N, C-alpha and C. Protein backbone atom coordinates (compact mmCIF):
# COMPACT_ATOMS: atom_id res chain seq x y z
N MET A 1 39.45 -5.73 71.95
CA MET A 1 39.17 -7.11 73.06
C MET A 1 40.58 -7.48 73.67
N GLU A 2 40.58 -8.12 74.84
CA GLU A 2 41.99 -8.69 75.31
C GLU A 2 41.88 -9.99 75.48
N GLY A 3 42.82 -10.80 75.18
CA GLY A 3 42.80 -12.32 75.62
C GLY A 3 42.33 -13.06 74.47
N CYS A 4 42.09 -14.45 74.89
CA CYS A 4 41.58 -15.30 73.90
C CYS A 4 40.41 -16.20 74.17
N ALA A 5 39.72 -16.67 73.12
CA ALA A 5 38.76 -17.23 73.24
C ALA A 5 38.70 -18.76 72.79
N ARG A 6 38.01 -19.37 73.21
CA ARG A 6 38.24 -21.19 72.82
C ARG A 6 36.77 -21.89 72.43
N ARG A 7 36.81 -22.30 70.96
CA ARG A 7 35.47 -23.22 70.71
C ARG A 7 36.14 -24.48 70.16
N ASN A 8 35.32 -25.62 70.82
CA ASN A 8 35.65 -26.72 70.36
C ASN A 8 37.18 -27.12 70.46
N GLY A 9 37.86 -26.72 71.26
CA GLY A 9 39.57 -26.78 71.25
C GLY A 9 40.14 -25.85 70.31
N ILE A 10 39.69 -24.79 69.80
CA ILE A 10 40.44 -23.61 69.15
C ILE A 10 40.47 -22.47 69.68
N TRP A 11 41.52 -21.83 69.98
CA TRP A 11 41.81 -20.68 70.45
C TRP A 11 41.70 -19.62 69.43
N THR A 12 41.22 -18.53 69.67
CA THR A 12 41.04 -17.64 68.99
C THR A 12 42.44 -16.84 68.58
N GLY A 13 43.45 -16.86 69.82
CA GLY A 13 44.41 -16.41 69.62
C GLY A 13 44.80 -15.01 69.44
N GLY A 14 45.48 -14.55 68.38
CA GLY A 14 45.56 -13.20 67.96
C GLY A 14 44.62 -12.69 66.93
N LEU A 15 43.56 -13.58 66.99
CA LEU A 15 42.47 -13.16 66.13
C LEU A 15 41.79 -11.60 66.42
N PRO A 16 41.63 -11.36 67.64
CA PRO A 16 41.35 -9.86 67.63
C PRO A 16 42.05 -9.09 67.34
N ALA A 17 43.48 -8.91 67.37
CA ALA A 17 44.70 -8.18 67.24
C ALA A 17 44.48 -7.72 65.65
N PHE A 18 44.48 -9.22 65.02
CA PHE A 18 44.47 -9.30 63.48
C PHE A 18 43.07 -8.62 62.89
N THR A 19 41.88 -8.80 63.69
CA THR A 19 40.77 -8.40 62.89
C THR A 19 40.70 -6.39 63.04
N GLU A 20 41.37 -6.26 64.21
CA GLU A 20 41.52 -4.77 64.61
C GLU A 20 42.19 -3.99 63.72
N HIS A 21 43.42 -4.67 63.32
CA HIS A 21 44.46 -4.33 62.39
C HIS A 21 43.86 -4.05 61.14
N PHE A 22 42.91 -4.48 60.42
CA PHE A 22 42.19 -4.55 59.39
C PHE A 22 41.31 -3.76 59.31
N GLY A 23 40.59 -3.16 60.47
CA GLY A 23 39.33 -2.43 60.87
C GLY A 23 38.31 -3.27 60.81
N GLY A 24 38.31 -4.67 61.44
CA GLY A 24 37.20 -5.69 61.89
C GLY A 24 36.77 -5.47 63.13
N GLU A 25 35.92 -6.31 63.40
CA GLU A 25 35.41 -6.68 64.80
C GLU A 25 35.24 -8.01 65.16
N VAL A 26 35.14 -8.52 66.19
CA VAL A 26 35.44 -9.69 66.92
C VAL A 26 34.22 -9.80 68.09
N TRP A 27 33.24 -10.89 68.01
CA TRP A 27 32.13 -11.27 69.03
C TRP A 27 32.73 -12.46 69.58
N VAL A 28 32.32 -12.51 70.88
CA VAL A 28 32.65 -13.72 71.45
C VAL A 28 31.36 -13.88 72.62
N LYS A 29 30.65 -15.40 72.48
CA LYS A 29 29.62 -15.47 73.19
C LYS A 29 30.13 -16.16 74.49
N PHE A 30 29.71 -15.91 75.60
CA PHE A 30 29.96 -16.68 76.74
C PHE A 30 28.92 -17.27 77.19
N GLU A 31 28.91 -18.62 77.71
CA GLU A 31 27.80 -19.46 78.36
C GLU A 31 28.75 -19.89 79.45
N ASP A 32 28.42 -19.89 80.72
CA ASP A 32 28.68 -20.76 82.27
C ASP A 32 30.34 -20.02 82.33
N GLY A 33 30.28 -18.84 81.96
CA GLY A 33 31.88 -18.27 82.29
C GLY A 33 32.69 -18.71 81.23
N SER A 34 32.59 -19.38 80.34
CA SER A 34 33.54 -19.82 79.13
C SER A 34 32.78 -19.36 77.89
N ALA A 35 34.20 -19.02 77.02
CA ALA A 35 33.45 -18.75 75.51
C ALA A 35 33.04 -20.01 74.91
N SER A 36 31.71 -20.04 74.29
CA SER A 36 31.44 -20.96 73.47
C SER A 36 31.37 -20.60 71.90
N ALA A 37 31.48 -19.32 71.83
CA ALA A 37 31.31 -19.31 70.15
C ALA A 37 31.78 -17.98 70.05
N PHE A 38 32.33 -17.50 68.79
CA PHE A 38 32.84 -16.47 68.40
C PHE A 38 32.59 -16.08 67.13
N LYS A 39 32.39 -15.13 66.52
CA LYS A 39 32.68 -14.62 65.18
C LYS A 39 33.22 -13.32 64.69
N PHE A 40 33.85 -12.98 63.50
CA PHE A 40 34.55 -12.04 63.30
C PHE A 40 34.29 -11.54 61.90
N THR A 41 34.30 -10.07 61.52
CA THR A 41 34.07 -9.45 60.25
C THR A 41 35.40 -8.90 59.91
N LEU A 42 35.40 -8.89 58.50
CA LEU A 42 36.74 -7.96 57.78
C LEU A 42 36.15 -7.18 56.88
N PRO A 43 36.32 -5.91 56.73
CA PRO A 43 35.92 -5.21 55.69
C PRO A 43 36.40 -5.66 54.13
N ALA A 44 35.32 -5.63 53.24
CA ALA A 44 35.88 -5.94 52.23
C ALA A 44 36.95 -4.84 51.28
N GLY A 45 37.72 -5.21 50.54
CA GLY A 45 38.56 -4.59 50.10
C GLY A 45 40.06 -4.49 50.15
N ARG A 46 41.06 -3.74 49.62
CA ARG A 46 42.17 -4.05 49.95
C ARG A 46 42.72 -2.88 51.38
N HIS A 47 43.68 -2.98 51.93
CA HIS A 47 43.99 -1.92 52.82
C HIS A 47 45.36 -1.01 52.66
N ASP A 48 45.37 0.02 53.33
CA ASP A 48 46.43 0.68 52.93
C ASP A 48 47.59 0.29 54.13
N GLU A 49 48.58 1.02 54.20
CA GLU A 49 49.63 0.59 55.11
C GLU A 49 49.14 1.02 56.58
N LYS A 50 48.25 1.82 56.95
CA LYS A 50 47.90 1.99 58.28
C LYS A 50 46.69 0.81 58.59
N GLY A 51 46.52 0.30 57.71
CA GLY A 51 45.33 -0.83 58.06
C GLY A 51 43.66 -0.66 57.95
N GLY A 52 43.67 0.78 57.38
CA GLY A 52 42.20 1.12 57.02
C GLY A 52 42.00 0.77 55.71
N ALA A 53 40.46 0.24 55.79
CA ALA A 53 39.77 -0.18 54.65
C ALA A 53 39.72 0.99 53.39
N ARG A 54 40.20 0.56 52.34
CA ARG A 54 39.80 1.52 51.45
C ARG A 54 39.04 0.61 50.04
N ALA A 55 38.61 1.08 49.09
CA ALA A 55 37.81 0.57 48.00
C ALA A 55 38.66 -0.49 47.28
N MET A 56 38.41 -1.67 46.64
CA MET A 56 39.02 -2.36 46.10
C MET A 56 39.26 -1.77 44.60
N LYS A 57 40.66 -1.83 44.19
CA LYS A 57 41.21 -1.17 43.10
C LYS A 57 40.84 -2.37 42.03
N GLN A 58 40.52 -1.54 40.66
CA GLN A 58 40.28 -2.48 39.76
C GLN A 58 41.52 -2.67 39.19
N LEU A 59 41.77 -3.85 38.67
CA LEU A 59 43.00 -4.68 37.77
C LEU A 59 42.98 -3.79 36.58
N PRO A 60 44.26 -3.33 36.16
CA PRO A 60 44.34 -2.69 34.82
C PRO A 60 43.96 -3.40 33.66
N GLN A 61 43.25 -2.82 32.70
CA GLN A 61 42.79 -3.64 31.58
C GLN A 61 43.66 -3.33 30.38
N VAL A 62 44.22 -4.56 29.61
CA VAL A 62 45.10 -4.20 28.27
C VAL A 62 44.34 -4.94 27.25
N LEU A 63 44.18 -3.73 26.10
CA LEU A 63 43.72 -4.87 25.06
C LEU A 63 45.04 -4.94 23.99
N LEU A 64 45.39 -5.73 23.73
CA LEU A 64 46.42 -6.20 22.52
C LEU A 64 46.20 -6.48 21.42
N VAL A 65 45.88 -5.66 20.36
CA VAL A 65 45.92 -5.81 19.03
C VAL A 65 46.90 -6.50 18.22
N ASP A 66 46.61 -7.81 18.13
CA ASP A 66 47.93 -8.29 17.32
C ASP A 66 47.52 -9.74 16.71
N ASP A 67 48.12 -10.13 15.68
CA ASP A 67 47.33 -11.41 15.07
C ASP A 67 48.19 -12.55 14.98
N ASN A 68 49.40 -12.37 15.78
CA ASN A 68 50.59 -13.16 16.07
C ASN A 68 50.28 -14.19 17.10
N PRO A 69 49.71 -15.37 17.20
CA PRO A 69 49.66 -16.04 18.41
C PRO A 69 50.61 -16.28 19.42
N ALA A 70 51.88 -16.47 18.65
CA ALA A 70 53.14 -16.49 19.34
C ALA A 70 53.27 -15.46 20.26
N ASP A 71 53.22 -14.15 19.70
CA ASP A 71 53.41 -12.85 20.65
C ASP A 71 52.26 -12.66 21.44
N VAL A 72 51.16 -12.76 21.15
CA VAL A 72 50.26 -12.96 22.16
C VAL A 72 50.56 -13.61 23.19
N GLY A 73 50.72 -14.97 23.11
CA GLY A 73 51.29 -15.54 24.23
C GLY A 73 52.36 -15.11 25.04
N LEU A 74 53.32 -14.62 24.37
CA LEU A 74 54.49 -13.79 25.07
C LEU A 74 53.86 -12.87 25.97
N ALA A 75 53.21 -11.86 25.35
CA ALA A 75 52.58 -10.62 26.05
C ALA A 75 51.91 -11.44 27.25
N ARG A 76 51.28 -12.06 27.19
CA ARG A 76 50.59 -12.74 28.34
C ARG A 76 51.04 -13.45 29.11
N GLU A 77 52.37 -13.86 28.97
CA GLU A 77 52.94 -14.33 30.10
C GLU A 77 54.05 -13.46 30.74
N ALA A 78 54.28 -12.32 29.90
CA ALA A 78 55.01 -11.24 30.59
C ALA A 78 54.23 -10.39 31.35
N LEU A 79 52.77 -9.86 31.13
CA LEU A 79 52.33 -9.49 32.18
C LEU A 79 51.71 -10.36 33.41
N ALA A 80 51.62 -11.50 33.02
CA ALA A 80 51.23 -12.42 34.40
C ALA A 80 52.39 -12.54 35.58
N GLY A 81 53.75 -12.16 34.74
CA GLY A 81 54.77 -12.03 35.76
C GLY A 81 55.05 -10.57 36.18
N GLY A 82 54.22 -9.73 35.91
CA GLY A 82 54.22 -8.26 36.35
C GLY A 82 53.80 -8.09 37.79
N ARG A 83 53.74 -7.16 38.14
CA ARG A 83 53.58 -6.83 39.40
C ARG A 83 52.23 -6.26 39.62
N HIS A 84 51.56 -5.77 38.51
CA HIS A 84 50.26 -4.94 38.68
C HIS A 84 49.02 -5.83 38.11
N GLN A 85 49.51 -7.25 37.92
CA GLN A 85 48.24 -8.05 37.54
C GLN A 85 47.40 -7.54 36.20
N SER A 86 47.90 -6.85 35.27
CA SER A 86 47.20 -6.73 34.32
C SER A 86 46.42 -7.64 33.69
N GLN A 87 45.22 -7.38 33.22
CA GLN A 87 44.20 -8.41 32.53
C GLN A 87 44.17 -8.08 31.19
N LEU A 88 44.77 -9.17 30.57
CA LEU A 88 44.91 -8.81 28.93
C LEU A 88 43.83 -9.41 28.32
N SER A 89 43.41 -8.60 26.99
CA SER A 89 42.36 -9.20 26.49
C SER A 89 43.13 -9.23 24.84
N ASN A 90 42.48 -9.97 23.88
CA ASN A 90 43.28 -9.85 22.89
C ASN A 90 42.37 -9.79 21.39
N VAL A 91 42.46 -9.34 20.50
CA VAL A 91 41.75 -9.14 19.02
C VAL A 91 42.67 -9.46 17.81
N PRO A 92 42.76 -10.15 17.02
CA PRO A 92 43.49 -10.12 15.82
C PRO A 92 43.46 -9.40 14.86
N ASP A 93 42.63 -8.55 14.72
CA ASP A 93 42.70 -7.51 13.57
C ASP A 93 41.87 -6.40 13.98
N GLY A 94 42.18 -5.28 12.87
CA GLY A 94 41.70 -3.92 13.22
C GLY A 94 39.95 -3.75 13.33
N GLU A 95 39.20 -4.72 12.30
CA GLU A 95 37.84 -4.45 12.51
C GLU A 95 37.38 -4.97 13.95
N GLU A 96 38.06 -5.95 14.47
CA GLU A 96 37.73 -6.57 15.69
C GLU A 96 38.10 -5.63 16.72
N ALA A 97 39.35 -5.20 16.63
CA ALA A 97 39.80 -3.89 17.59
C ALA A 97 38.75 -2.66 17.83
N MET A 98 38.39 -2.19 16.85
CA MET A 98 37.06 -1.12 17.12
C MET A 98 35.84 -1.38 17.49
N ALA A 99 35.34 -2.63 17.38
CA ALA A 99 34.02 -3.46 17.50
C ALA A 99 34.38 -3.59 18.87
N TYR A 100 35.53 -3.94 19.41
CA TYR A 100 35.89 -4.24 21.02
C TYR A 100 35.63 -2.84 21.82
N LEU A 101 36.20 -1.82 21.07
CA LEU A 101 36.47 -0.55 21.74
C LEU A 101 35.13 0.37 21.60
N HIS A 102 34.58 0.11 20.83
CA HIS A 102 33.09 0.60 20.85
C HIS A 102 31.77 -0.59 21.37
N ARG A 103 32.25 -1.44 21.73
CA ARG A 103 31.30 -2.56 22.57
C ARG A 103 30.57 -2.76 21.79
N VAL A 104 30.40 -3.33 20.51
CA VAL A 104 29.12 -3.97 19.53
C VAL A 104 29.58 -5.26 19.45
N GLY A 105 28.03 -5.99 19.21
CA GLY A 105 28.28 -7.34 18.50
C GLY A 105 28.74 -8.21 19.59
N GLN A 106 29.73 -8.99 19.53
CA GLN A 106 30.43 -9.96 20.69
C GLN A 106 30.74 -9.49 21.62
N TYR A 107 31.39 -8.15 21.43
CA TYR A 107 32.01 -6.98 22.45
C TYR A 107 31.16 -6.26 23.33
N ALA A 108 29.63 -6.60 23.37
CA ALA A 108 28.86 -5.52 24.00
C ALA A 108 29.30 -5.82 25.47
N ASN A 109 29.79 -6.86 26.12
CA ASN A 109 30.06 -6.62 27.29
C ASN A 109 31.63 -6.50 27.60
N ALA A 110 32.34 -6.03 26.57
CA ALA A 110 33.79 -5.78 26.90
C ALA A 110 34.06 -4.77 27.55
N VAL A 111 35.10 -4.89 28.74
CA VAL A 111 35.59 -4.08 29.75
C VAL A 111 36.55 -2.97 28.63
N ARG A 112 36.25 -1.63 29.43
CA ARG A 112 36.67 -0.66 28.42
C ARG A 112 38.50 -0.66 28.84
N PRO A 113 39.53 -0.76 27.92
CA PRO A 113 40.55 -0.98 28.23
C PRO A 113 41.07 0.06 28.80
N ASP A 114 42.34 0.13 29.93
CA ASP A 114 43.17 1.24 30.00
C ASP A 114 44.28 1.56 29.23
N LEU A 115 44.86 0.85 28.69
CA LEU A 115 45.85 0.65 27.58
C LEU A 115 45.34 0.07 26.48
N LEU A 116 45.94 0.76 25.14
CA LEU A 116 45.66 -0.29 24.20
C LEU A 116 47.25 -0.28 23.68
N ILE A 117 47.48 -1.72 23.26
CA ILE A 117 48.67 -2.03 22.62
C ILE A 117 48.73 -2.55 21.17
N LEU A 118 49.12 -1.61 20.42
CA LEU A 118 48.65 -1.97 18.78
C LEU A 118 49.88 -2.14 17.95
N ASP A 119 49.55 -3.56 17.25
CA ASP A 119 50.54 -3.70 16.16
C ASP A 119 50.15 -2.78 14.95
N LEU A 120 50.88 -2.52 14.10
CA LEU A 120 50.74 -1.84 12.88
C LEU A 120 50.19 -2.86 11.68
N ASN A 121 50.83 -3.97 11.34
CA ASN A 121 50.57 -4.67 10.45
C ASN A 121 49.49 -5.90 10.79
N LEU A 122 48.15 -5.59 10.35
CA LEU A 122 47.02 -6.16 10.99
C LEU A 122 45.99 -6.71 9.49
N PRO A 123 45.36 -7.71 9.73
CA PRO A 123 44.48 -7.85 8.57
C PRO A 123 43.34 -6.99 8.72
N LYS A 124 42.61 -7.25 7.78
CA LYS A 124 41.32 -6.42 7.58
C LYS A 124 41.41 -4.86 7.74
N LYS A 125 42.07 -4.30 8.86
CA LYS A 125 41.97 -3.12 9.03
C LYS A 125 43.48 -2.73 9.57
N ASP A 126 44.45 -2.02 9.28
CA ASP A 126 45.79 -2.18 9.72
C ASP A 126 45.77 -1.24 11.15
N GLY A 127 46.74 -1.18 11.89
CA GLY A 127 46.85 -0.57 12.99
C GLY A 127 46.97 1.04 12.84
N ARG A 128 47.42 1.81 11.65
CA ARG A 128 47.52 3.10 11.64
C ARG A 128 46.04 3.22 11.44
N ALA A 129 44.96 2.89 10.78
CA ALA A 129 43.47 3.14 10.55
C ALA A 129 43.13 2.95 12.02
N VAL A 130 43.12 2.19 12.80
CA VAL A 130 42.50 1.79 14.00
C VAL A 130 43.03 2.86 14.91
N LEU A 131 44.45 3.49 14.88
CA LEU A 131 44.94 4.54 15.62
C LEU A 131 44.36 5.73 15.22
N ALA A 132 44.21 5.55 14.05
CA ALA A 132 43.49 7.33 13.40
C ALA A 132 42.09 7.15 13.96
N GLU A 133 41.23 6.34 13.82
CA GLU A 133 39.87 6.26 13.98
C GLU A 133 39.67 6.38 15.84
N ALA A 134 40.54 5.71 16.36
CA ALA A 134 40.45 5.76 17.88
C ALA A 134 40.75 7.12 18.29
N LYS A 135 41.79 7.55 17.89
CA LYS A 135 42.19 9.20 18.41
C LYS A 135 41.11 10.26 17.67
N ALA A 136 40.45 9.77 16.88
CA ALA A 136 39.39 10.94 16.44
C ALA A 136 38.14 10.77 17.14
N ASP A 137 37.86 9.69 17.93
CA ASP A 137 36.61 9.04 18.51
C ASP A 137 36.91 10.22 19.97
N THR A 138 36.14 10.71 20.07
CA THR A 138 35.84 11.84 21.61
C THR A 138 35.66 10.90 22.68
N ASP A 139 34.93 9.85 22.52
CA ASP A 139 35.23 8.84 23.82
C ASP A 139 36.45 7.92 23.78
N LEU A 140 37.03 7.41 22.89
CA LEU A 140 38.26 6.70 22.90
C LEU A 140 39.68 7.59 23.14
N ARG A 141 39.76 8.66 22.52
CA ARG A 141 41.02 9.36 22.38
C ARG A 141 41.70 9.27 23.47
N THR A 142 41.04 9.21 24.39
CA THR A 142 42.04 9.24 26.24
C THR A 142 42.41 7.94 26.49
N ILE A 143 42.09 6.79 25.87
CA ILE A 143 42.87 5.74 25.68
C ILE A 143 44.34 5.61 25.31
N PRO A 144 45.19 5.44 26.21
CA PRO A 144 46.63 5.76 25.69
C PRO A 144 46.86 4.39 24.97
N VAL A 145 47.53 4.73 23.50
CA VAL A 145 47.89 3.75 22.69
C VAL A 145 49.43 3.65 22.62
N VAL A 146 49.77 2.37 22.77
CA VAL A 146 51.26 1.91 22.58
C VAL A 146 51.19 1.36 21.26
N VAL A 147 52.05 1.64 20.22
CA VAL A 147 52.14 1.03 18.92
C VAL A 147 53.52 0.15 19.29
N PHE A 148 53.05 -1.16 19.10
CA PHE A 148 54.16 -2.20 19.32
C PHE A 148 54.20 -2.96 17.92
N SER A 149 55.38 -2.75 17.61
CA SER A 149 55.61 -3.12 16.16
C SER A 149 56.94 -3.68 15.85
N THR A 150 56.90 -4.65 14.80
CA THR A 150 58.40 -5.08 14.38
C THR A 150 58.95 -3.73 13.51
N SER A 151 58.21 -3.41 12.89
CA SER A 151 58.93 -2.16 12.17
C SER A 151 59.61 -1.19 12.75
N ARG A 152 60.77 -0.78 12.00
CA ARG A 152 61.98 0.15 12.70
C ARG A 152 61.86 1.47 12.06
N SER A 153 60.85 1.54 10.95
CA SER A 153 60.91 2.37 9.96
C SER A 153 60.75 3.86 10.66
N MET A 154 61.54 4.94 10.30
CA MET A 154 61.28 6.16 10.74
C MET A 154 59.92 6.56 10.16
N LEU A 155 59.49 6.05 8.75
CA LEU A 155 58.42 6.22 8.60
C LEU A 155 57.09 6.08 9.13
N ASP A 156 57.08 4.79 9.74
CA ASP A 156 55.99 4.25 10.30
C ASP A 156 56.04 5.07 12.05
N ILE A 157 57.21 5.13 12.28
CA ILE A 157 57.39 5.76 13.81
C ILE A 157 56.68 7.57 13.61
N ALA A 158 57.49 7.88 12.65
CA ALA A 158 56.73 9.41 12.46
C ALA A 158 55.12 9.47 12.39
N ARG A 159 54.71 8.48 11.30
CA ARG A 159 53.38 8.60 11.07
C ARG A 159 52.65 8.10 12.25
N SER A 160 53.09 7.22 13.64
CA SER A 160 52.45 6.65 14.33
C SER A 160 52.02 8.02 15.41
N TYR A 161 53.20 8.65 15.29
CA TYR A 161 52.92 9.97 16.44
C TYR A 161 51.96 10.95 15.68
N GLU A 162 52.28 11.40 14.56
CA GLU A 162 51.20 12.13 13.93
C GLU A 162 49.68 11.73 14.15
N LEU A 163 49.66 10.40 13.86
CA LEU A 163 48.15 10.02 14.06
C LEU A 163 47.41 10.19 15.75
N GLY A 164 48.54 9.89 16.42
CA GLY A 164 48.28 9.99 18.01
C GLY A 164 48.87 9.09 18.86
N ALA A 165 49.63 8.17 18.49
CA ALA A 165 50.31 7.40 19.35
C ALA A 165 51.08 8.06 20.22
N ASN A 166 50.63 7.36 21.75
CA ASN A 166 51.23 7.94 22.91
C ASN A 166 52.64 7.61 23.02
N CYS A 167 53.12 6.26 22.33
CA CYS A 167 54.62 5.84 22.41
C CYS A 167 54.60 4.78 21.10
N TYR A 168 55.93 4.81 20.97
CA TYR A 168 56.01 3.64 19.82
C TYR A 168 57.28 2.70 20.53
N VAL A 169 56.89 1.66 20.43
CA VAL A 169 57.89 0.69 20.79
C VAL A 169 58.27 -0.27 19.71
N SER A 170 59.53 -0.62 19.43
CA SER A 170 59.78 -1.87 18.61
C SER A 170 60.04 -2.91 19.05
N LYS A 171 59.38 -3.86 18.52
CA LYS A 171 59.50 -5.41 18.95
C LYS A 171 60.54 -5.82 19.08
N PRO A 172 61.38 -6.31 20.28
CA PRO A 172 62.62 -7.20 20.19
C PRO A 172 62.62 -8.46 19.46
N GLY A 173 63.59 -8.87 18.95
CA GLY A 173 63.67 -10.25 18.43
C GLY A 173 64.32 -11.14 19.51
N ASN A 174 64.66 -10.76 20.63
CA ASN A 174 65.22 -11.44 21.79
C ASN A 174 63.95 -11.87 22.56
N LEU A 175 64.14 -12.89 22.89
CA LEU A 175 62.89 -13.51 23.96
C LEU A 175 63.07 -12.82 25.48
N ASP A 176 64.13 -12.54 25.78
CA ASP A 176 64.19 -11.74 27.25
C ASP A 176 63.67 -10.26 26.98
N ASP A 177 64.31 -9.77 25.84
CA ASP A 177 63.98 -8.54 25.79
C ASP A 177 62.88 -8.26 25.40
N TYR A 178 62.08 -9.02 24.72
CA TYR A 178 60.38 -8.87 24.31
C TYR A 178 59.88 -8.95 25.89
N PHE A 179 60.06 -9.95 26.80
CA PHE A 179 59.45 -10.03 28.12
C PHE A 179 59.60 -8.64 28.65
N LEU A 180 61.05 -8.17 28.62
CA LEU A 180 61.45 -6.65 29.29
C LEU A 180 60.41 -5.73 28.77
N ALA A 181 60.37 -5.70 27.29
CA ALA A 181 59.66 -4.65 26.65
C ALA A 181 58.22 -4.40 27.44
N VAL A 182 57.46 -6.03 27.18
CA VAL A 182 56.20 -5.78 27.60
C VAL A 182 56.10 -5.37 28.79
N GLN A 183 56.94 -5.92 30.17
CA GLN A 183 56.89 -5.32 31.44
C GLN A 183 57.02 -3.78 31.58
N SER A 184 58.05 -3.46 30.69
CA SER A 184 58.13 -2.08 30.94
C SER A 184 56.85 -1.06 30.57
N ILE A 185 56.57 -1.55 29.29
CA ILE A 185 55.26 -0.82 28.87
C ILE A 185 54.31 -0.52 30.09
N GLU A 186 54.25 -2.06 30.83
CA GLU A 186 53.30 -2.21 31.85
C GLU A 186 53.44 -1.25 32.84
N GLU A 187 54.95 -1.56 33.51
CA GLU A 187 55.27 -0.55 34.44
C GLU A 187 55.12 0.92 34.37
N PHE A 188 55.44 1.35 32.91
CA PHE A 188 55.48 2.79 32.83
C PHE A 188 53.91 3.15 33.04
N TRP A 189 53.01 2.86 32.24
CA TRP A 189 51.84 2.91 31.96
C TRP A 189 50.85 2.96 33.22
N PHE A 190 51.41 1.82 34.39
CA PHE A 190 50.49 1.43 35.42
C PHE A 190 51.11 1.63 36.69
N GLY A 191 52.28 2.08 36.66
CA GLY A 191 53.25 2.32 37.87
C GLY A 191 53.72 3.99 37.94
N SER A 192 53.83 4.54 36.85
CA SER A 192 54.51 5.96 36.81
C SER A 192 53.53 6.99 36.25
N VAL A 193 52.42 6.56 35.33
CA VAL A 193 51.92 7.33 34.99
C VAL A 193 50.32 7.40 35.64
N SER A 194 49.62 8.81 35.70
CA SER A 194 48.23 8.72 36.31
C SER A 194 47.32 8.60 34.90
N LEU A 195 46.31 7.87 34.93
CA LEU A 195 45.49 7.71 33.64
C LEU A 195 43.99 7.99 34.07
N PRO A 196 43.38 8.98 33.11
CA PRO A 196 42.13 9.14 33.48
C PRO A 196 41.28 7.70 33.33
N ARG A 197 40.16 7.59 34.57
CA ARG A 197 39.50 6.41 34.41
C ARG A 197 38.09 6.88 33.84
N LYS A 198 37.43 5.90 33.43
CA LYS A 198 35.98 6.22 33.05
C LYS A 198 35.07 4.76 33.65
N GLU A 199 34.02 4.91 33.74
CA GLU A 199 33.20 3.95 34.15
C GLU A 199 33.00 2.66 33.08
N LYS A 200 33.60 1.57 33.60
CA LYS A 200 33.70 0.70 32.79
C LYS A 200 32.23 0.24 32.07
């Protein structure tokens, strides 16, 4: 549709071109030779570079298993500043981590995480046990696990990989480096890697 329409003193202006660009449509009602009303529709979802509609992409889901509130707060802030808009959930111990992953009890409606960031030294059930249990489960083993720990022990690193960790990142002591580490984890797993997606 070419030109402009006007209703109550408001011109539609570039609305036709705008809606066409995003795959929508505009209708204008004429009375006595003048436009008296208009409406337009836009398809739901995001759009590719050519303006075509595509399905809404779900935001990445991250489960952080860490009992340190300060570290959790920093990770949440770091991800909030990332370009992937990752949604962070947190549980403070290994038993709750497994309940969350199996979606039982209070976590019955939990969303399956696309990435698990796991501390090693946890109460109730430590990170090594969580890692071993998750990787032994046929339904959970495809969820990538990043061990994120203050430990720099070669024994912990080697054992984590033996249990199936997808990578091991040592927590930096410096605040800026901590932010960078968390954002680098996000960028690698959601910006470079192709991950299997299961229905949530």
